PDB file of N, CA and C in Angstrom:
ATOM      1  N   MET A   1    -131.883  90.267 177.778  1.00  0.00           N
ATOM      2  CA  MET A   1    -132.401  89.196 176.946  1.00  0.00           C
ATOM      3  C   MET A   1    -131.832  89.384 175.540  1.00  0.00           C
ATOM      4  N   ASN A   2    -131.261  88.359 174.990  1.00  0.00           N
ATOM      5  CA  ASN A   2    -130.678  88.436 173.666  1.00  0.00           C
ATOM      6  C   ASN A   2    -131.403  87.457 172.756  1.00  0.00           C
ATOM      7  N   ASP A   3    -132.521  87.904 172.218  1.00  0.00           N
ATOM      8  CA  ASP A   3    -133.290  87.051 171.318  1.00  0.00           C
ATOM      9  C   ASP A   3    -133.802  87.873 170.145  1.00  0.00           C
ATOM     10  N   ALA A   4    -134.654  87.292 169.365  1.00  0.00           N
ATOM     11  CA  ALA A   4    -135.154  87.970 168.170  1.00  0.00           C
ATOM     12  C   ALA A   4    -135.940  89.230 168.506  1.00  0.00           C
ATOM     13  N   PHE A   5    -136.394  89.368 169.740  1.00  0.00           N
ATOM     14  CA  PHE A   5    -137.220  90.502 170.113  1.00  0.00           C
ATOM     15  C   PHE A   5    -136.458  91.505 170.975  1.00  0.00           C
ATOM     16  N   ASP A   6    -135.144  91.363 171.067  1.00  0.00           N
ATOM     17  CA  ASP A   6    -134.346  92.205 171.945  1.00  0.00           C
ATOM     18  C   ASP A   6    -134.428  93.675 171.592  1.00  0.00           C
ATOM     19  N   ASN A   7    -134.564  93.998 170.328  1.00  0.00           N
ATOM     20  CA  ASN A   7    -134.605  95.398 169.939  1.00  0.00           C
ATOM     21  C   ASN A   7    -136.020  95.963 169.913  1.00  0.00           C
ATOM     22  N   ALA A   8    -136.979  95.204 170.418  1.00  0.00           N
ATOM     23  CA  ALA A   8    -138.385  95.617 170.491  1.00  0.00           C
ATOM     24  C   ALA A   8    -138.948  95.952 169.111  1.00  0.00           C
ATOM     25  N   HIS A   9    -138.455  95.318 168.082  1.00  0.00           N
ATOM     26  CA  HIS A   9    -138.952  95.512 166.730  1.00  0.00           C
ATOM     27  C   HIS A   9    -140.004  94.448 166.473  1.00  0.00           C
ATOM     28  N   PHE A  10    -141.248  94.865 166.381  1.00  0.00           N
ATOM     29  CA  PHE A  10    -142.325  93.905 166.240  1.00  0.00           C
ATOM     30  C   PHE A  10    -143.033  93.977 164.896  1.00  0.00           C
ATOM     31  N   LEU A  11    -142.582  94.852 164.017  1.00  0.00           N
ATOM     32  CA  LEU A  11    -143.201  94.920 162.704  1.00  0.00           C
ATOM     33  C   LEU A  11    -142.362  94.112 161.729  1.00  0.00           C
ATOM     34  N   PHE A  12    -142.843  92.931 161.444  1.00  0.00           N
ATOM     35  CA  PHE A  12    -142.127  92.041 160.542  1.00  0.00           C
ATOM     36  C   PHE A  12    -142.535  92.351 159.110  1.00  0.00           C
ATOM     37  N   ARG A  13    -141.633  92.128 158.180  1.00  0.00           N
ATOM     38  CA  ARG A  13    -141.842  92.458 156.783  1.00  0.00           C
ATOM     39  C   ARG A  13    -142.018  91.197 155.940  1.00  0.00           C
ATOM     40  N   ARG A  14    -142.627  91.374 154.790  1.00  0.00           N
ATOM     41  CA  ARG A  14    -142.974  90.262 153.901  1.00  0.00           C
ATOM     42  C   ARG A  14    -141.790  89.341 153.621  1.00  0.00           C
ATOM     43  N   HIS A  15    -140.609  89.895 153.379  1.00  0.00           N
ATOM     44  CA  HIS A  15    -139.453  89.060 153.032  1.00  0.00           C
ATOM     45  C   HIS A  15    -139.056  88.124 154.175  1.00  0.00           C
ATOM     46  N   GLN A  16    -139.440  88.444 155.413  1.00  0.00           N
ATOM     47  CA  GLN A  16    -139.106  87.589 156.546  1.00  0.00           C
ATOM     48  C   GLN A  16    -139.985  86.342 156.623  1.00  0.00           C
ATOM     49  N   PHE A  17    -141.052  86.314 155.855  1.00  0.00           N
ATOM     50  CA  PHE A  17    -141.969  85.177 155.866  1.00  0.00           C
ATOM     51  C   PHE A  17    -141.614  84.132 154.810  1.00  0.00           C
ATOM     52  N   VAL A  18    -140.695  84.463 153.924  1.00  0.00           N
ATOM     53  CA  VAL A  18    -140.264  83.530 152.882  1.00  0.00           C
ATOM     54  C   VAL A  18    -139.650  82.295 153.556  1.00  0.00           C
ATOM     55  N   GLY A  19    -140.101  81.132 153.151  1.00  0.00           N
ATOM     56  CA  GLY A  19    -139.592  79.891 153.726  1.00  0.00           C
ATOM     57  C   GLY A  19    -140.361  79.426 154.960  1.00  0.00           C
ATOM     58  N   HIS A  20    -141.294  80.234 155.453  1.00  0.00           N
ATOM     59  CA  HIS A  20    -142.114  79.844 156.607  1.00  0.00           C
ATOM     60  C   HIS A  20    -143.485  79.404 156.115  1.00  0.00           C
ATOM     61  N   THR A  21    -144.022  78.389 156.740  1.00  0.00           N
ATOM     62  CA  THR A  21    -145.370  77.950 156.398  1.00  0.00           C
ATOM     63  C   THR A  21    -146.391  78.423 157.417  1.00  0.00           C
ATOM     64  N   GLU A  22    -145.907  78.832 158.600  1.00  0.00           N
ATOM     65  CA  GLU A  22    -146.800  79.289 159.663  1.00  0.00           C
ATOM     66  C   GLU A  22    -146.420  80.687 160.120  1.00  0.00           C
ATOM     67  N   ALA A  23    -147.373  81.346 160.769  1.00  0.00           N
ATOM     68  CA  ALA A  23    -147.159  82.666 161.344  1.00  0.00           C
ATOM     69  C   ALA A  23    -147.856  82.703 162.699  1.00  0.00           C
ATOM     70  N   THR A  24    -147.367  83.557 163.597  1.00  0.00           N
ATOM     71  CA  THR A  24    -147.942  83.706 164.934  1.00  0.00           C
ATOM     72  C   THR A  24    -148.272  85.168 165.164  1.00  0.00           C
ATOM     73  N   CYS A  25    -149.477  85.442 165.627  1.00  0.00           N
ATOM     74  CA  CYS A  25    -149.860  86.807 165.968  1.00  0.00           C
ATOM     75  C   CYS A  25    -149.468  87.071 167.415  1.00  0.00           C
ATOM     76  N   LEU A  26    -148.696  88.125 167.627  1.00  0.00           N
ATOM     77  CA  LEU A  26    -148.284  88.467 168.986  1.00  0.00           C
ATOM     78  C   LEU A  26    -149.436  89.056 169.786  1.00  0.00           C
ATOM     79  N   ALA A  27    -150.438  89.602 169.120  1.00  0.00           N
ATOM     80  CA  ALA A  27    -151.565  90.207 169.815  1.00  0.00           C
ATOM     81  C   ALA A  27    -152.564  89.157 170.309  1.00  0.00           C
ATOM     82  N   CYS A  28    -153.106  88.358 169.385  1.00  0.00           N
ATOM     83  CA  CYS A  28    -154.143  87.389 169.774  1.00  0.00           C
ATOM     84  C   CYS A  28    -153.599  85.979 169.986  1.00  0.00           C
ATOM     85  N   GLN A  29    -152.322  85.756 169.702  1.00  0.00           N
ATOM     86  CA  GLN A  29    -151.621  84.492 169.897  1.00  0.00           C
ATOM     87  C   GLN A  29    -152.065  83.380 168.950  1.00  0.00           C
ATOM     88  N   ALA A  30    -152.788  83.738 167.900  1.00  0.00           N
ATOM     89  CA  ALA A  30    -153.212  82.737 166.924  1.00  0.00           C
ATOM     90  C   ALA A  30    -152.021  82.270 166.094  1.00  0.00           C
ATOM     91  N   VAL A  31    -152.044  81.004 165.719  1.00  0.00           N
ATOM     92  CA  VAL A  31    -151.056  80.433 164.809  1.00  0.00           C
ATOM     93  C   VAL A  31    -151.830  79.950 163.593  1.00  0.00           C
ATOM     94  N   TYR A  32    -151.360  80.329 162.411  1.00  0.00           N
ATOM     95  CA  TYR A  32    -152.071  79.977 161.197  1.00  0.00           C
ATOM     96  C   TYR A  32    -151.081  79.884 160.047  1.00  0.00           C
ATOM     97  N   ALA A  33    -151.548  79.382 158.930  1.00  0.00           N
ATOM     98  CA  ALA A  33    -150.715  79.273 157.738  1.00  0.00           C
ATOM     99  C   ALA A  33    -150.403  80.669 157.208  1.00  0.00           C
ATOM    100  N   VAL A  34    -149.194  80.856 156.734  1.00  0.00           N
ATOM    101  CA  VAL A  34    -148.814  82.145 156.147  1.00  0.00           C
ATOM    102  C   VAL A  34    -149.765  82.498 155.012  1.00  0.00           C
ATOM    103  N   THR A  35    -150.244  81.500 154.306  1.00  0.00           N
ATOM    104  CA  THR A  35    -151.166  81.752 153.192  1.00  0.00           C
ATOM    105  C   THR A  35    -152.503  82.326 153.663  1.00  0.00           C
ATOM    106  N   ALA A  36    -152.804  82.242 154.964  1.00  0.00           N
ATOM    107  CA  ALA A  36    -154.029  82.817 155.501  1.00  0.00           C
ATOM    108  C   ALA A  36    -153.937  84.339 155.603  1.00  0.00           C
ATOM    109  N   ILE A  37    -152.721  84.866 155.524  1.00  0.00           N
ATOM    110  CA  ILE A  37    -152.537  86.317 155.565  1.00  0.00           C
ATOM    111  C   ILE A  37    -152.920  86.866 154.200  1.00  0.00           C
ATOM    112  N   THR A  38    -154.007  87.613 154.179  1.00  0.00           N
ATOM    113  CA  THR A  38    -154.482  88.151 152.910  1.00  0.00           C
ATOM    114  C   THR A  38    -154.369  89.674 152.858  1.00  0.00           C
ATOM    115  N   ARG A  39    -154.074  90.274 153.991  1.00  0.00           N
ATOM    116  CA  ARG A  39    -153.971  91.735 154.036  1.00  0.00           C
ATOM    117  C   ARG A  39    -152.553  92.131 154.437  1.00  0.00           C
ATOM    118  N   TRP A  40    -151.934  92.946 153.613  1.00  0.00           N
ATOM    119  CA  TRP A  40    -150.594  93.467 153.861  1.00  0.00           C
ATOM    120  C   TRP A  40    -150.668  94.985 153.750  1.00  0.00           C
ATOM    121  N   ILE A  41    -150.153  95.690 154.773  1.00  0.00           N
ATOM    122  CA  ILE A  41    -150.192  97.157 154.760  1.00  0.00           C
ATOM    123  C   ILE A  41    -148.777  97.703 154.547  1.00  0.00           C
ATOM    124  N   ASP A  42    -148.617  98.995 154.643  1.00  0.00           N
ATOM    125  CA  ASP A  42    -147.321  99.647 154.434  1.00  0.00           C
ATOM    126  C   ASP A  42    -146.765  99.309 153.050  1.00  0.00           C
ATOM    127  N   GLY A  43    -147.580  99.492 152.054  1.00  0.00           N
ATOM    128  CA  GLY A  43    -147.141  99.223 150.696  1.00  0.00           C
ATOM    129  C   GLY A  43    -146.986  97.744 150.390  1.00  0.00           C
ATOM    130  N   GLY A  44    -147.710  96.906 151.122  1.00  0.00           N
ATOM    131  CA  GLY A  44    -147.658  95.462 150.886  1.00  0.00           C
ATOM    132  C   GLY A  44    -146.522  94.759 151.594  1.00  0.00           C
ATOM    133  N   THR A  45    -145.943  95.398 152.611  1.00  0.00           N
ATOM    134  CA  THR A  45    -144.799  94.790 153.283  1.00  0.00           C
ATOM    135  C   THR A  45    -145.093  94.256 154.682  1.00  0.00           C
ATOM    136  N   THR A  46    -146.113  94.769 155.358  1.00  0.00           N
ATOM    137  CA  THR A  46    -146.402  94.378 156.740  1.00  0.00           C
ATOM    138  C   THR A  46    -147.670  93.541 156.799  1.00  0.00           C
ATOM    139  N   PRO A  47    -147.594  92.311 157.361  1.00  0.00           N
ATOM    140  CA  PRO A  47    -148.780  91.456 157.423  1.00  0.00           C
ATOM    141  C   PRO A  47    -149.746  91.890 158.519  1.00  0.00           C
ATOM    142  N   VAL A  48    -151.018  91.668 158.256  1.00  0.00           N
ATOM    143  CA  VAL A  48    -152.070  91.941 159.227  1.00  0.00           C
ATOM    144  C   VAL A  48    -152.705  90.607 159.597  1.00  0.00           C
ATOM    145  N   CYS A  49    -152.874  90.364 160.882  1.00  0.00           N
ATOM    146  CA  CYS A  49    -153.457  89.109 161.354  1.00  0.00           C
ATOM    147  C   CYS A  49    -154.872  88.940 160.807  1.00  0.00           C
ATOM    148  N   PRO A  50    -155.171  87.792 160.188  1.00  0.00           N
ATOM    149  CA  PRO A  50    -156.520  87.572 159.658  1.00  0.00           C
ATOM    150  C   PRO A  50    -157.558  87.383 160.759  1.00  0.00           C
ATOM    151  N   ARG A  51    -157.098  87.133 161.982  1.00  0.00           N
ATOM    152  CA  ARG A  51    -158.039  86.901 163.086  1.00  0.00           C
ATOM    153  C   ARG A  51    -158.385  88.195 163.813  1.00  0.00           C
ATOM    154  N   CYS A  52    -157.352  88.956 164.245  1.00  0.00           N
ATOM    155  CA  CYS A  52    -157.622  90.134 165.075  1.00  0.00           C
ATOM    156  C   CYS A  52    -157.358  91.464 164.374  1.00  0.00           C
ATOM    157  N   GLN A  53    -156.754  91.410 163.188  1.00  0.00           N
ATOM    158  CA  GLN A  53    -156.492  92.588 162.368  1.00  0.00           C
ATOM    159  C   GLN A  53    -155.378  93.500 162.898  1.00  0.00           C
ATOM    160  N   TYR A  54    -154.550  92.997 163.816  1.00  0.00           N
ATOM    161  CA  TYR A  54    -153.378  93.758 164.266  1.00  0.00           C
ATOM    162  C   TYR A  54    -152.189  93.405 163.389  1.00  0.00           C
ATOM    163  N   ASP A  55    -151.213  94.300 163.348  1.00  0.00           N
ATOM    164  CA  ASP A  55    -150.038  94.075 162.506  1.00  0.00           C
ATOM    165  C   ASP A  55    -148.833  93.584 163.300  1.00  0.00           C
ATOM    166  N   PHE A  56    -149.081  92.771 164.301  1.00  0.00           N
ATOM    167  CA  PHE A  56    -148.016  92.190 165.119  1.00  0.00           C
ATOM    168  C   PHE A  56    -147.873  90.704 164.806  1.00  0.00           C
ATOM    169  N   VAL A  57    -147.583  90.387 163.564  1.00  0.00           N
ATOM    170  CA  VAL A  57    -147.492  89.006 163.100  1.00  0.00           C
ATOM    171  C   VAL A  57    -146.029  88.645 162.888  1.00  0.00           C
ATOM    172  N   ALA A  58    -145.612  87.538 163.509  1.00  0.00           N
ATOM    173  CA  ALA A  58    -144.230  87.062 163.392  1.00  0.00           C
ATOM    174  C   ALA A  58    -144.188  85.826 162.505  1.00  0.00           C
ATOM    175  N   PRO A  59    -143.126  85.659 161.743  1.00  0.00           N
ATOM    176  CA  PRO A  59    -142.996  84.461 160.924  1.00  0.00           C
ATOM    177  C   PRO A  59    -142.709  83.239 161.784  1.00  0.00           C
ATOM    178  N   GLY A  60    -143.329  82.125 161.449  1.00  0.00           N
ATOM    179  CA  GLY A  60    -143.092  80.873 162.162  1.00  0.00           C
ATOM    180  C   GLY A  60    -144.003  80.671 163.351  1.00  0.00           C
ATOM    181  N   ARG A  61    -143.910  79.462 163.911  1.00  0.00           N
ATOM    182  CA  ARG A  61    -144.653  79.124 165.133  1.00  0.00           C
ATOM    183  C   ARG A  61    -143.708  79.423 166.287  1.00  0.00           C
ATOM    184  N   LEU A  62    -144.069  80.380 167.122  1.00  0.00           N
ATOM    185  CA  LEU A  62    -143.200  80.776 168.223  1.00  0.00           C
ATOM    186  C   LEU A  62    -143.356  79.844 169.413  1.00  0.00           C
ATOM    187  N   ALA A  63    -142.246  79.530 170.051  1.00  0.00           N
ATOM    188  CA  ALA A  63    -142.280  78.735 171.280  1.00  0.00           C
ATOM    189  C   ALA A  63    -143.027  79.542 172.338  1.00  0.00           C
ATOM    190  N   PRO A  64    -143.743  78.876 173.234  1.00  0.00           N
ATOM    191  CA  PRO A  64    -144.532  79.587 174.241  1.00  0.00           C
ATOM    192  C   PRO A  64    -143.728  80.621 175.037  1.00  0.00           C
ATOM    193  N   GLU A  65    -142.484  80.286 175.394  1.00  0.00           N
ATOM    194  CA  GLU A  65    -141.696  81.234 176.187  1.00  0.00           C
ATOM    195  C   GLU A  65    -141.268  82.445 175.361  1.00  0.00           C
ATOM    196  N   VAL A  66    -141.038  82.260 174.074  1.00  0.00           N
ATOM    197  CA  VAL A  66    -140.684  83.382 173.196  1.00  0.00           C
ATOM    198  C   VAL A  66    -141.906  84.273 172.989  1.00  0.00           C
ATOM    199  N   LEU A  67    -143.069  83.649 172.780  1.00  0.00           N
ATOM    200  CA  LEU A  67    -144.305  84.407 172.621  1.00  0.00           C
ATOM    201  C   LEU A  67    -144.607  85.197 173.887  1.00  0.00           C
ATOM    202  N   ALA A  68    -144.443  84.575 175.052  1.00  0.00           N
ATOM    203  CA  ALA A  68    -144.698  85.270 176.321  1.00  0.00           C
ATOM    204  C   ALA A  68    -143.758  86.461 176.490  1.00  0.00           C
ATOM    205  N   ALA A  69    -142.481  86.293 176.161  1.00  0.00           N
ATOM    206  CA  ALA A  69    -141.515  87.385 176.286  1.00  0.00           C
ATOM    207  C   ALA A  69    -141.851  88.524 175.321  1.00  0.00           C
ATOM    208  N   ALA A  70    -142.229  88.172 174.103  1.00  0.00           N
ATOM    209  CA  ALA A  70    -142.578  89.198 173.120  1.00  0.00           C
ATOM    210  C   ALA A  70    -143.829  89.952 173.554  1.00  0.00           C
ATOM    211  N   ARG A  71    -144.825  89.238 174.043  1.00  0.00           N
ATOM    212  CA  ARG A  71    -146.055  89.888 174.512  1.00  0.00           C
ATOM    213  C   ARG A  71    -145.780  90.784 175.707  1.00  0.00           C
ATOM    214  N   ALA A  72    -144.905  90.361 176.602  1.00  0.00           N
ATOM    215  CA  ALA A  72    -144.566  91.174 177.763  1.00  0.00           C
ATOM    216  C   ALA A  72    -143.920  92.488 177.314  1.00  0.00           C
ATOM    217  N   ARG A  73    -143.016  92.388 176.377  1.00  0.00           N
ATOM    218  CA  ARG A  73    -142.350  93.586 175.851  1.00  0.00           C
ATOM    219  C   ARG A  73    -143.333  94.507 175.149  1.00  0.00           C
ATOM    220  N   LEU A  74    -144.271  93.914 174.437  1.00  0.00           N
ATOM    221  CA  LEU A  74    -145.176  94.677 173.607  1.00  0.00           C
ATOM    222  C   LEU A  74    -146.339  95.283 174.382  1.00  0.00           C
ATOM    223  N   PHE A  75    -146.910  94.529 175.318  1.00  0.00           N
ATOM    224  CA  PHE A  75    -148.157  94.953 175.936  1.00  0.00           C
ATOM    225  C   PHE A  75    -148.064  95.370 177.401  1.00  0.00           C
ATOM    226  N   GLU A  76    -147.140  94.842 178.186  1.00  0.00           N
ATOM    227  CA  GLU A  76    -147.110  95.149 179.615  1.00  0.00           C
ATOM    228  C   GLU A  76    -146.932  96.624 179.945  1.00  0.00           C
ATOM    229  N   PRO A  77    -146.158  97.384 179.163  1.00  0.00           N
ATOM    230  CA  PRO A  77    -146.018  98.801 179.526  1.00  0.00           C
ATOM    231  C   PRO A  77    -147.341  99.554 179.565  1.00  0.00           C
ATOM    232  N   TRP A  78    -148.369  99.041 178.890  1.00  0.00           N
ATOM    233  CA  TRP A  78    -149.649  99.730 178.827  1.00  0.00           C
ATOM    234  C   TRP A  78    -150.724  99.107 179.703  1.00  0.00           C
ATOM    235  N   GLU A  79    -150.405  98.043 180.418  1.00  0.00           N
ATOM    236  CA  GLU A  79    -151.415  97.420 181.270  1.00  0.00           C
ATOM    237  C   GLU A  79    -151.842  98.390 182.354  1.00  0.00           C
ATOM    238  N   GLY A  80    -153.108  98.438 182.612  1.00  0.00           N
ATOM    239  CA  GLY A  80    -153.650  99.296 183.656  1.00  0.00           C
ATOM    240  C   GLY A  80    -153.937 100.720 183.200  1.00  0.00           C
ATOM    241  N   MET A  81    -153.561 101.057 181.979  1.00  0.00           N
ATOM    242  CA  MET A  81    -153.856 102.397 181.479  1.00  0.00           C
ATOM    243  C   MET A  81    -155.305 102.466 181.033  1.00  0.00           C
ATOM    244  N   GLU A  82    -155.888 103.607 181.220  1.00  0.00           N
ATOM    245  CA  GLU A  82    -157.258 103.820 180.770  1.00  0.00           C
ATOM    246  C   GLU A  82    -157.271 104.013 179.255  1.00  0.00           C
ATOM    247  N   PRO A  83    -158.231 103.450 178.561  1.00  0.00           N
ATOM    248  CA  PRO A  83    -158.305 103.672 177.118  1.00  0.00           C
ATOM    249  C   PRO A  83    -158.622 105.146 176.825  1.00  0.00           C
ATOM    250  N   LEU A  84    -158.143 105.629 175.693  1.00  0.00           N
ATOM    251  CA  LEU A  84    -158.431 106.999 175.290  1.00  0.00           C
ATOM    252  C   LEU A  84    -159.901 107.129 174.943  1.00  0.00           C
ATOM    253  N   LYS A  85    -160.433 108.300 175.253  1.00  0.00           N
ATOM    254  CA  LYS A  85    -161.809 108.624 174.885  1.00  0.00           C
ATOM    255  C   LYS A  85    -161.754 109.617 173.715  1.00  0.00           C
ATOM    256  N   PRO A  86    -162.779 109.713 172.906  1.00  0.00           N
ATOM    257  CA  PRO A  86    -162.729 110.573 171.714  1.00  0.00           C
ATOM    258  C   PRO A  86    -162.197 111.978 171.951  1.00  0.00           C
ATOM    259  N   GLY A  87    -162.486 112.608 173.053  1.00  0.00           N
ATOM    260  CA  GLY A  87    -162.026 113.977 173.292  1.00  0.00           C
ATOM    261  C   GLY A  87    -160.595 114.083 173.813  1.00  0.00           C
ATOM    262  N   ASP A  88    -159.968 112.952 174.165  1.00  0.00           N
ATOM    263  CA  ASP A  88    -158.639 112.970 174.784  1.00  0.00           C
ATOM    264  C   ASP A  88    -157.542 113.440 173.845  1.00  0.00           C
ATOM    265  N   TRP A  89    -157.677 113.219 172.552  1.00  0.00           N
ATOM    266  CA  TRP A  89    -156.598 113.561 171.637  1.00  0.00           C
ATOM    267  C   TRP A  89    -156.924 114.815 170.806  1.00  0.00           C
ATOM    268  N   ALA A  90    -158.078 115.385 171.019  1.00  0.00           N
ATOM    269  CA  ALA A  90    -158.473 116.589 170.254  1.00  0.00           C
ATOM    270  C   ALA A  90    -157.807 117.833 170.805  1.00  0.00           C
TER     271      ALA A  90
END
């Protein structure tokens, strides 16, 4: 697949949102105005979704097939895994 998500880079930076009026969260699939993003982490460079609080926000409104491909790359490797319990990482 040769698209914007080919390198599995899902952390978009503030400068990539310049010129976009909308953003799409890869985690919760919400689409909202870029101005709705009020929280930026990593020194103010990485947007956090105002709906689900994950940092998988892409600039623009993604086409359904692009969103599906990005979500598959991002989340499918972990499907079926048991969540960690507090003692698992100690």
